Amino acid sequence: MSKTKTKPKAVPEGRPVAQNRKARHDYEIIDTYEAGIALQGSEVKSIRSGKAQIRDSYARIEDGELWVHMVHIPPYEQAVGFGAHNPDRPKKLLMHRIEIERLKGKSQQGSLSLVPLSIYFKGGKAKMELALAKGRKTYDKRHELAARDAERDLRRVSANLGVHIH
């Protein structure tokens, strides 16, 4: 009878490992894109264990390359010394040059931002969902919250009456 080590539970493929929920509140999402992330080995293991944080992160095009800043990936517990990584280093996002140029044009056109929405695994590779977004003003945020609350109340009342509203 052989003893097997149990691995820490990894997040299933396709399900977001890290999400930026604040982005959907603070920005009006215009378009979304998928980009690969160039990572070191210990970063991949740390992300697989679900420890990445992208709350205040942003993406920027620098010298024709797409980079994401302020993504915090804590060091993997078993990677010490040589295998450890800097948790806050900028990470290169992998997209075709044509897509990057198109993004650059769109983002400069209407003073739009590139905001990371989530990190997930697809086909064994780490991917990031990026949004081309426009910042919301405070009154826009309040208006959206009021509309969401009104819709929730309407659904609650209709459920009590036995009527389903979509």
N, C-alpha and C. Protein backbone atom coordinates (compact mmCIF):
# COMPACT_ATOMS: atom_id res chain seq x y z
N MET A 1 0.84 -1.18 0.00
CA MET A 1 0.00 0.00 0.00
C MET A 1 0.89 1.25 0.00
N SER A 2 0.78 2.04 -1.02
CA SER A 2 1.63 3.23 -1.12
C SER A 2 0.88 4.45 -0.61
N LYS A 3 1.65 5.32 -0.01
CA LYS A 3 1.06 6.56 0.49
C LYS A 3 1.16 7.61 -0.60
N THR A 4 0.08 8.32 -0.80
CA THR A 4 0.08 9.40 -1.80
C THR A 4 -0.13 10.72 -1.09
N LYS A 5 0.58 11.70 -1.58
CA LYS A 5 0.41 13.03 -1.01
C LYS A 5 -0.84 13.66 -1.59
N THR A 6 -1.56 14.39 -0.78
CA THR A 6 -2.74 15.10 -1.27
C THR A 6 -2.33 16.51 -1.64
N LYS A 7 -2.69 16.88 -2.85
CA LYS A 7 -2.38 18.22 -3.32
C LYS A 7 -3.43 19.18 -2.80
N PRO A 8 -3.08 20.47 -2.65
CA PRO A 8 -4.11 21.44 -2.28
C PRO A 8 -5.13 21.53 -3.40
N LYS A 9 -6.38 21.73 -3.04
CA LYS A 9 -7.44 21.78 -4.04
C LYS A 9 -7.22 22.94 -5.00
N ALA A 10 -7.15 22.62 -6.27
CA ALA A 10 -6.99 23.64 -7.30
C ALA A 10 -8.37 24.05 -7.80
N VAL A 11 -8.45 25.24 -8.33
CA VAL A 11 -9.71 25.74 -8.86
C VAL A 11 -9.97 25.05 -10.20
N PRO A 12 -11.20 24.59 -10.48
CA PRO A 12 -11.50 23.91 -11.74
C PRO A 12 -11.22 24.80 -12.95
N GLU A 13 -10.91 24.15 -14.06
CA GLU A 13 -10.59 24.84 -15.31
C GLU A 13 -11.76 25.71 -15.78
N GLY A 14 -11.44 26.94 -16.20
CA GLY A 14 -12.47 27.84 -16.72
C GLY A 14 -13.11 28.72 -15.65
N ARG A 15 -13.06 28.31 -14.40
CA ARG A 15 -13.64 29.11 -13.33
C ARG A 15 -12.61 30.17 -12.89
N PRO A 16 -13.06 31.40 -12.66
CA PRO A 16 -12.11 32.45 -12.27
C PRO A 16 -11.38 32.13 -10.96
N VAL A 17 -10.06 32.34 -10.99
CA VAL A 17 -9.24 32.14 -9.81
C VAL A 17 -9.23 33.42 -8.99
N ALA A 18 -9.23 34.56 -9.68
CA ALA A 18 -9.27 35.86 -9.03
C ALA A 18 -10.20 36.76 -9.84
N GLN A 19 -11.02 37.54 -9.15
CA GLN A 19 -11.94 38.45 -9.82
C GLN A 19 -11.79 39.86 -9.28
N ASN A 20 -12.07 40.82 -10.14
CA ASN A 20 -12.06 42.22 -9.76
C ASN A 20 -13.52 42.70 -9.79
N ARG A 21 -14.25 42.43 -8.71
CA ARG A 21 -15.67 42.80 -8.66
C ARG A 21 -15.85 44.31 -8.60
N LYS A 22 -14.88 44.98 -8.04
CA LYS A 22 -14.95 46.44 -7.91
C LYS A 22 -14.95 47.11 -9.29
N ALA A 23 -14.31 46.48 -10.27
CA ALA A 23 -14.21 47.06 -11.61
C ALA A 23 -15.57 47.23 -12.26
N ARG A 24 -16.47 46.27 -12.08
CA ARG A 24 -17.79 46.36 -12.70
C ARG A 24 -18.62 47.47 -12.06
N HIS A 25 -18.29 47.84 -10.83
CA HIS A 25 -18.98 48.94 -10.15
C HIS A 25 -18.38 50.29 -10.54
N ASP A 26 -17.06 50.35 -10.62
CA ASP A 26 -16.37 51.61 -10.87
C ASP A 26 -16.28 51.99 -12.35
N TYR A 27 -16.45 51.01 -13.25
CA TYR A 27 -16.29 51.27 -14.67
C TYR A 27 -17.49 50.77 -15.46
N GLU A 28 -17.73 51.43 -16.58
CA GLU A 28 -18.71 50.96 -17.54
C GLU A 28 -17.94 50.12 -18.56
N ILE A 29 -18.21 48.82 -18.61
CA ILE A 29 -17.47 47.90 -19.46
C ILE A 29 -17.96 48.07 -20.90
N ILE A 30 -17.04 48.38 -21.80
CA ILE A 30 -17.38 48.58 -23.21
C ILE A 30 -17.12 47.30 -24.01
N ASP A 31 -15.95 46.70 -23.79
CA ASP A 31 -15.59 45.49 -24.52
C ASP A 31 -14.64 44.65 -23.66
N THR A 32 -14.64 43.33 -23.85
CA THR A 32 -13.74 42.47 -23.09
C THR A 32 -12.82 41.71 -24.04
N TYR A 33 -11.63 41.39 -23.54
CA TYR A 33 -10.61 40.68 -24.30
C TYR A 33 -9.98 39.61 -23.42
N GLU A 34 -9.41 38.60 -24.07
CA GLU A 34 -8.70 37.55 -23.36
C GLU A 34 -7.23 37.65 -23.72
N ALA A 35 -6.36 37.58 -22.69
CA ALA A 35 -4.92 37.64 -22.93
C ALA A 35 -4.24 36.59 -22.07
N GLY A 36 -3.19 36.01 -22.60
CA GLY A 36 -2.38 35.09 -21.81
C GLY A 36 -1.49 35.90 -20.88
N ILE A 37 -0.98 35.26 -19.82
CA ILE A 37 -0.10 35.95 -18.87
C ILE A 37 1.23 35.22 -18.84
N ALA A 38 2.34 35.97 -18.98
CA ALA A 38 3.67 35.39 -18.88
C ALA A 38 4.03 35.32 -17.40
N LEU A 39 4.11 34.11 -16.86
CA LEU A 39 4.35 33.92 -15.42
C LEU A 39 5.56 33.02 -15.17
N GLN A 40 6.10 33.13 -13.97
CA GLN A 40 7.14 32.21 -13.51
C GLN A 40 6.44 30.99 -12.90
N GLY A 41 7.19 29.91 -12.73
CA GLY A 41 6.62 28.66 -12.23
C GLY A 41 5.95 28.78 -10.88
N SER A 42 6.59 29.47 -9.94
CA SER A 42 6.01 29.59 -8.61
C SER A 42 4.76 30.47 -8.62
N GLU A 43 4.69 31.41 -9.58
CA GLU A 43 3.49 32.24 -9.69
C GLU A 43 2.30 31.40 -10.16
N VAL A 44 2.53 30.49 -11.08
CA VAL A 44 1.46 29.63 -11.59
C VAL A 44 0.91 28.78 -10.45
N LYS A 45 1.80 28.20 -9.65
CA LYS A 45 1.36 27.36 -8.53
C LYS A 45 0.58 28.17 -7.50
N SER A 46 1.02 29.39 -7.26
CA SER A 46 0.33 30.25 -6.31
C SER A 46 -1.05 30.63 -6.83
N ILE A 47 -1.16 30.92 -8.12
CA ILE A 47 -2.45 31.26 -8.73
C ILE A 47 -3.37 30.05 -8.70
N ARG A 48 -2.84 28.87 -9.02
CA ARG A 48 -3.66 27.65 -9.01
C ARG A 48 -4.26 27.38 -7.64
N SER A 49 -3.56 27.78 -6.59
CA SER A 49 -4.10 27.58 -5.24
C SER A 49 -5.07 28.71 -4.87
N GLY A 50 -5.33 29.64 -5.80
CA GLY A 50 -6.36 30.66 -5.62
C GLY A 50 -5.94 31.85 -4.79
N LYS A 51 -4.68 32.25 -4.88
CA LYS A 51 -4.20 33.32 -4.00
C LYS A 51 -3.83 34.61 -4.72
N ALA A 52 -4.29 34.80 -5.94
CA ALA A 52 -3.98 36.04 -6.66
C ALA A 52 -4.98 37.13 -6.27
N GLN A 53 -4.54 38.39 -6.35
CA GLN A 53 -5.40 39.52 -6.00
C GLN A 53 -5.24 40.59 -7.08
N ILE A 54 -6.36 40.98 -7.74
CA ILE A 54 -6.28 41.94 -8.85
C ILE A 54 -7.16 43.17 -8.62
N ARG A 55 -7.49 43.46 -7.38
CA ARG A 55 -8.44 44.53 -7.08
C ARG A 55 -8.03 45.90 -7.64
N ASP A 56 -6.82 46.35 -7.39
CA ASP A 56 -6.40 47.69 -7.82
C ASP A 56 -5.51 47.66 -9.06
N SER A 57 -5.58 46.58 -9.82
CA SER A 57 -4.67 46.42 -10.95
C SER A 57 -5.18 47.17 -12.18
N TYR A 58 -4.26 47.41 -13.10
CA TYR A 58 -4.58 48.08 -14.35
C TYR A 58 -3.60 47.59 -15.42
N ALA A 59 -3.99 47.71 -16.67
CA ALA A 59 -3.12 47.31 -17.78
C ALA A 59 -2.72 48.55 -18.57
N ARG A 60 -1.57 48.47 -19.19
CA ARG A 60 -1.04 49.61 -19.93
C ARG A 60 -0.23 49.09 -21.12
N ILE A 61 -0.28 49.80 -22.22
CA ILE A 61 0.51 49.45 -23.40
C ILE A 61 1.79 50.28 -23.36
N GLU A 62 2.93 49.59 -23.29
CA GLU A 62 4.23 50.26 -23.22
C GLU A 62 5.14 49.67 -24.29
N ASP A 63 5.64 50.51 -25.18
CA ASP A 63 6.54 50.09 -26.26
C ASP A 63 5.96 48.95 -27.09
N GLY A 64 4.68 49.02 -27.38
CA GLY A 64 4.04 48.01 -28.21
C GLY A 64 3.74 46.70 -27.51
N GLU A 65 3.97 46.64 -26.20
CA GLU A 65 3.67 45.44 -25.42
C GLU A 65 2.64 45.77 -24.36
N LEU A 66 1.84 44.78 -24.00
CA LEU A 66 0.78 44.95 -23.02
C LEU A 66 1.26 44.45 -21.66
N TRP A 67 1.21 45.31 -20.65
CA TRP A 67 1.67 44.96 -19.30
C TRP A 67 0.55 45.20 -18.30
N VAL A 68 0.49 44.36 -17.29
CA VAL A 68 -0.47 44.56 -16.22
C VAL A 68 0.31 44.87 -14.94
N HIS A 69 -0.14 45.88 -14.22
CA HIS A 69 0.54 46.35 -13.01
C HIS A 69 -0.37 46.14 -11.80
N MET A 70 0.22 46.08 -10.63
CA MET A 70 -0.47 45.99 -9.34
C MET A 70 -1.23 44.67 -9.14
N VAL A 71 -0.83 43.62 -9.84
CA VAL A 71 -1.39 42.29 -9.60
C VAL A 71 -0.52 41.66 -8.52
N HIS A 72 -1.14 41.29 -7.41
CA HIS A 72 -0.38 40.72 -6.29
C HIS A 72 -0.56 39.20 -6.29
N ILE A 73 0.55 38.50 -6.51
CA ILE A 73 0.56 37.03 -6.43
C ILE A 73 1.54 36.67 -5.33
N PRO A 74 1.04 36.26 -4.16
CA PRO A 74 1.94 35.96 -3.05
C PRO A 74 2.86 34.78 -3.38
N PRO A 75 4.05 34.75 -2.79
CA PRO A 75 4.98 33.65 -3.06
C PRO A 75 4.39 32.29 -2.68
N TYR A 76 4.69 31.29 -3.49
CA TYR A 76 4.26 29.93 -3.23
C TYR A 76 5.02 29.40 -2.02
N GLU A 77 4.33 28.72 -1.11
CA GLU A 77 4.94 28.29 0.16
C GLU A 77 6.18 27.42 -0.04
N GLN A 78 6.14 26.49 -1.02
CA GLN A 78 7.26 25.57 -1.21
C GLN A 78 8.39 26.17 -2.05
N ALA A 79 8.19 27.32 -2.65
CA ALA A 79 9.23 27.95 -3.47
C ALA A 79 9.97 28.97 -2.63
N VAL A 80 11.14 28.60 -2.18
CA VAL A 80 11.96 29.51 -1.37
C VAL A 80 13.30 29.71 -2.06
N GLY A 81 13.93 30.84 -1.78
CA GLY A 81 15.25 31.10 -2.34
C GLY A 81 15.18 31.36 -3.83
N PHE A 82 15.82 30.49 -4.60
CA PHE A 82 15.94 30.67 -6.05
C PHE A 82 14.58 30.61 -6.76
N GLY A 83 13.69 29.76 -6.30
CA GLY A 83 12.40 29.58 -6.96
C GLY A 83 11.36 30.64 -6.62
N ALA A 84 11.63 31.51 -5.64
CA ALA A 84 10.65 32.51 -5.21
C ALA A 84 10.57 33.64 -6.25
N HIS A 85 9.48 34.38 -6.22
CA HIS A 85 9.28 35.47 -7.16
C HIS A 85 8.88 36.74 -6.41
N ASN A 86 9.02 37.87 -7.09
CA ASN A 86 8.60 39.16 -6.56
C ASN A 86 7.07 39.23 -6.72
N PRO A 87 6.30 39.34 -5.61
CA PRO A 87 4.84 39.26 -5.71
C PRO A 87 4.18 40.40 -6.47
N ASP A 88 4.83 41.55 -6.59
CA ASP A 88 4.19 42.71 -7.21
C ASP A 88 4.82 43.15 -8.52
N ARG A 89 5.60 42.29 -9.14
CA ARG A 89 6.27 42.69 -10.38
C ARG A 89 5.24 42.84 -11.51
N PRO A 90 5.49 43.77 -12.46
CA PRO A 90 4.59 43.89 -13.61
C PRO A 90 4.66 42.60 -14.44
N LYS A 91 3.53 42.17 -14.96
CA LYS A 91 3.47 40.95 -15.74
C LYS A 91 3.08 41.27 -17.17
N LYS A 92 3.74 40.59 -18.10
CA LYS A 92 3.48 40.80 -19.52
C LYS A 92 2.24 40.01 -19.92
N LEU A 93 1.35 40.67 -20.65
CA LEU A 93 0.17 40.00 -21.18
C LEU A 93 0.43 39.65 -22.64
N LEU A 94 -0.02 38.47 -23.04
CA LEU A 94 0.28 37.96 -24.36
C LEU A 94 -0.94 38.07 -25.28
N MET A 95 -0.82 38.93 -26.27
CA MET A 95 -1.85 39.11 -27.29
C MET A 95 -1.15 39.30 -28.62
N HIS A 96 -1.86 39.10 -29.70
CA HIS A 96 -1.29 39.36 -31.03
C HIS A 96 -1.05 40.86 -31.18
N ARG A 97 0.01 41.20 -31.90
CA ARG A 97 0.39 42.60 -32.07
C ARG A 97 -0.75 43.42 -32.69
N ILE A 98 -1.48 42.84 -33.61
CA ILE A 98 -2.60 43.55 -34.25
C ILE A 98 -3.66 43.91 -33.21
N GLU A 99 -3.95 42.97 -32.30
CA GLU A 99 -4.94 43.22 -31.25
C GLU A 99 -4.45 44.32 -30.31
N ILE A 100 -3.16 44.30 -29.98
CA ILE A 100 -2.59 45.32 -29.10
C ILE A 100 -2.70 46.70 -29.74
N GLU A 101 -2.39 46.79 -31.04
CA GLU A 101 -2.49 48.07 -31.75
C GLU A 101 -3.94 48.56 -31.79
N ARG A 102 -4.88 47.63 -32.00
CA ARG A 102 -6.30 47.98 -32.02
C ARG A 102 -6.73 48.50 -30.65
N LEU A 103 -6.27 47.82 -29.60
CA LEU A 103 -6.57 48.25 -28.22
C LEU A 103 -6.00 49.63 -27.94
N LYS A 104 -4.78 49.85 -28.40
CA LYS A 104 -4.12 51.14 -28.18
C LYS A 104 -4.92 52.26 -28.82
N GLY A 105 -5.38 52.04 -30.03
CA GLY A 105 -6.18 53.04 -30.73
C GLY A 105 -7.49 53.32 -30.02
N LYS A 106 -8.18 52.27 -29.59
CA LYS A 106 -9.46 52.45 -28.90
C LYS A 106 -9.29 53.14 -27.55
N SER A 107 -8.24 52.77 -26.81
CA SER A 107 -8.06 53.34 -25.47
C SER A 107 -7.67 54.82 -25.54
N GLN A 108 -6.94 55.22 -26.57
CA GLN A 108 -6.56 56.63 -26.70
C GLN A 108 -7.70 57.46 -27.27
N GLN A 109 -8.57 56.81 -28.02
CA GLN A 109 -9.65 57.52 -28.71
C GLN A 109 -10.62 58.19 -27.74
N GLY A 110 -11.07 57.47 -26.74
CA GLY A 110 -12.08 58.04 -25.86
C GLY A 110 -11.67 58.06 -24.41
N SER A 111 -10.40 58.22 -24.14
CA SER A 111 -9.86 58.20 -22.77
C SER A 111 -10.41 57.02 -21.97
N LEU A 112 -10.23 55.83 -22.53
CA LEU A 112 -10.70 54.60 -21.90
C LEU A 112 -9.56 53.92 -21.16
N SER A 113 -9.90 53.07 -20.22
CA SER A 113 -8.91 52.36 -19.42
C SER A 113 -8.94 50.88 -19.73
N LEU A 114 -7.82 50.21 -19.51
CA LEU A 114 -7.75 48.75 -19.60
C LEU A 114 -7.74 48.20 -18.19
N VAL A 115 -8.80 47.49 -17.82
CA VAL A 115 -8.97 47.01 -16.46
C VAL A 115 -9.08 45.49 -16.44
N PRO A 116 -8.24 44.80 -15.66
CA PRO A 116 -8.37 43.35 -15.53
C PRO A 116 -9.65 42.99 -14.77
N LEU A 117 -10.42 42.03 -15.30
CA LEU A 117 -11.65 41.59 -14.65
C LEU A 117 -11.46 40.28 -13.90
N SER A 118 -10.69 39.35 -14.49
CA SER A 118 -10.51 38.06 -13.83
C SER A 118 -9.29 37.34 -14.36
N ILE A 119 -8.81 36.37 -13.57
CA ILE A 119 -7.75 35.46 -13.97
C ILE A 119 -8.34 34.07 -13.89
N TYR A 120 -8.09 33.26 -14.92
CA TYR A 120 -8.60 31.89 -14.95
C TYR A 120 -7.64 31.02 -15.76
N PHE A 121 -7.86 29.71 -15.73
CA PHE A 121 -7.05 28.78 -16.50
C PHE A 121 -7.88 28.22 -17.64
N LYS A 122 -7.26 28.14 -18.82
CA LYS A 122 -7.93 27.61 -20.00
C LYS A 122 -6.90 26.78 -20.76
N GLY A 123 -7.17 25.50 -20.89
CA GLY A 123 -6.22 24.62 -21.58
C GLY A 123 -4.90 24.52 -20.84
N GLY A 124 -4.93 24.66 -19.52
CA GLY A 124 -3.71 24.58 -18.72
C GLY A 124 -2.90 25.85 -18.67
N LYS A 125 -3.35 26.88 -19.35
CA LYS A 125 -2.61 28.15 -19.40
C LYS A 125 -3.38 29.23 -18.64
N ALA A 126 -2.64 30.11 -17.97
CA ALA A 126 -3.26 31.20 -17.22
C ALA A 126 -3.69 32.29 -18.20
N LYS A 127 -4.93 32.72 -18.07
CA LYS A 127 -5.49 33.76 -18.93
C LYS A 127 -6.06 34.88 -18.07
N MET A 128 -6.10 36.07 -18.65
CA MET A 128 -6.69 37.22 -17.96
C MET A 128 -7.77 37.82 -18.85
N GLU A 129 -8.91 38.11 -18.26
CA GLU A 129 -9.98 38.80 -18.98
C GLU A 129 -9.79 40.29 -18.73
N LEU A 130 -9.55 41.02 -19.82
CA LEU A 130 -9.34 42.47 -19.76
C LEU A 130 -10.58 43.17 -20.28
N ALA A 131 -10.86 44.32 -19.71
CA ALA A 131 -12.00 45.11 -20.18
C ALA A 131 -11.52 46.47 -20.64
N LEU A 132 -12.04 46.90 -21.75
CA LEU A 132 -11.88 48.27 -22.20
C LEU A 132 -13.04 49.01 -21.55
N ALA A 133 -12.73 49.90 -20.63
CA ALA A 133 -13.78 50.47 -19.79
C ALA A 133 -13.66 51.98 -19.66
N LYS A 134 -14.80 52.58 -19.33
CA LYS A 134 -14.86 54.02 -19.11
C LYS A 134 -15.24 54.23 -17.64
N GLY A 135 -14.51 55.10 -16.96
CA GLY A 135 -14.77 55.36 -15.55
C GLY A 135 -16.13 55.97 -15.32
N ARG A 136 -16.78 55.54 -14.24
CA ARG A 136 -18.10 56.08 -13.88
C ARG A 136 -17.95 57.19 -12.88
N LYS A 137 -18.83 58.15 -12.97
CA LYS A 137 -18.90 59.21 -11.97
C LYS A 137 -19.69 58.69 -10.77
N THR A 138 -19.58 59.37 -9.64
CA THR A 138 -20.26 58.94 -8.42
C THR A 138 -21.76 58.86 -8.61
N TYR A 139 -22.35 59.84 -9.30
CA TYR A 139 -23.81 59.81 -9.48
C TYR A 139 -24.23 58.66 -10.39
N ASP A 140 -23.38 58.25 -11.34
CA ASP A 140 -23.68 57.09 -12.17
C ASP A 140 -23.74 55.83 -11.33
N LYS A 141 -22.81 55.71 -10.38
CA LYS A 141 -22.77 54.54 -9.50
C LYS A 141 -24.03 54.47 -8.66
N ARG A 142 -24.45 55.63 -8.12
CA ARG A 142 -25.66 55.67 -7.30
C ARG A 142 -26.89 55.30 -8.12
N HIS A 143 -26.95 55.80 -9.35
CA HIS A 143 -28.07 55.51 -10.24
C HIS A 143 -28.14 54.01 -10.54
N GLU A 144 -26.99 53.40 -10.80
CA GLU A 144 -26.95 51.97 -11.10
C GLU A 144 -27.40 51.15 -9.89
N LEU A 145 -26.93 51.53 -8.69
CA LEU A 145 -27.33 50.82 -7.47
C LEU A 145 -28.84 50.95 -7.23
N ALA A 146 -29.40 52.14 -7.46
CA ALA A 146 -30.84 52.34 -7.27
C ALA A 146 -31.64 51.49 -8.26
N ALA A 147 -31.19 51.42 -9.51
CA ALA A 147 -31.88 50.61 -10.52
C ALA A 147 -31.82 49.13 -10.16
N ARG A 148 -30.67 48.67 -9.67
CA ARG A 148 -30.52 47.27 -9.28
C ARG A 148 -31.42 46.94 -8.09
N ASP A 149 -31.49 47.86 -7.11
CA ASP A 149 -32.36 47.65 -5.95
C ASP A 149 -33.83 47.60 -6.36
N ALA A 150 -34.23 48.49 -7.27
CA ALA A 150 -35.62 48.51 -7.74
C ALA A 150 -35.97 47.21 -8.45
N GLU A 151 -35.05 46.71 -9.26
CA GLU A 151 -35.30 45.45 -9.97
C GLU A 151 -35.40 44.29 -8.98
N ARG A 152 -34.56 44.28 -7.97
CA ARG A 152 -34.60 43.23 -6.95
C ARG A 152 -35.93 43.26 -6.19
N ASP A 153 -36.37 44.46 -5.83
CA ASP A 153 -37.66 44.59 -5.14
C ASP A 153 -38.81 44.12 -6.01
N LEU A 154 -38.77 44.46 -7.31
CA LEU A 154 -39.81 44.03 -8.24
C LEU A 154 -39.86 42.51 -8.33
N ARG A 155 -38.69 41.88 -8.40
CA ARG A 155 -38.64 40.41 -8.46
C ARG A 155 -39.16 39.79 -7.17
N ARG A 156 -38.82 40.39 -6.05
CA ARG A 156 -39.27 39.87 -4.75
C ARG A 156 -40.80 39.93 -4.65
N VAL A 157 -41.38 41.05 -5.04
CA VAL A 157 -42.84 41.21 -4.99
C VAL A 157 -43.51 40.24 -5.97
N SER A 158 -42.96 40.13 -7.17
CA SER A 158 -43.56 39.24 -8.15
C SER A 158 -43.45 37.77 -7.72
N ALA A 159 -42.39 37.41 -7.04
CA ALA A 159 -42.23 36.03 -6.54
C ALA A 159 -43.28 35.73 -5.47
N ASN A 160 -43.57 36.73 -4.64
CA ASN A 160 -44.59 36.56 -3.60
C ASN A 160 -45.99 36.39 -4.21
N LEU A 161 -46.20 37.04 -5.37
CA LEU A 161 -47.49 36.93 -6.04
C LEU A 161 -47.57 35.71 -6.94
N GLY A 162 -46.45 35.03 -7.16
CA GLY A 162 -46.43 33.84 -8.00
C GLY A 162 -46.21 34.13 -9.48
N VAL A 163 -45.83 35.35 -9.79
CA VAL A 163 -45.57 35.75 -11.18
C VAL A 163 -44.05 35.81 -11.37
N HIS A 164 -43.55 35.25 -12.46
CA HIS A 164 -42.10 35.27 -12.73
C HIS A 164 -41.77 36.32 -13.77
N ILE A 165 -40.84 37.20 -13.42
CA ILE A 165 -40.39 38.25 -14.33
C ILE A 165 -38.93 38.00 -14.67
N HIS A 166 -38.58 38.11 -15.92
CA HIS A 166 -37.19 37.88 -16.33
C HIS A 166 -36.50 39.16 -16.56
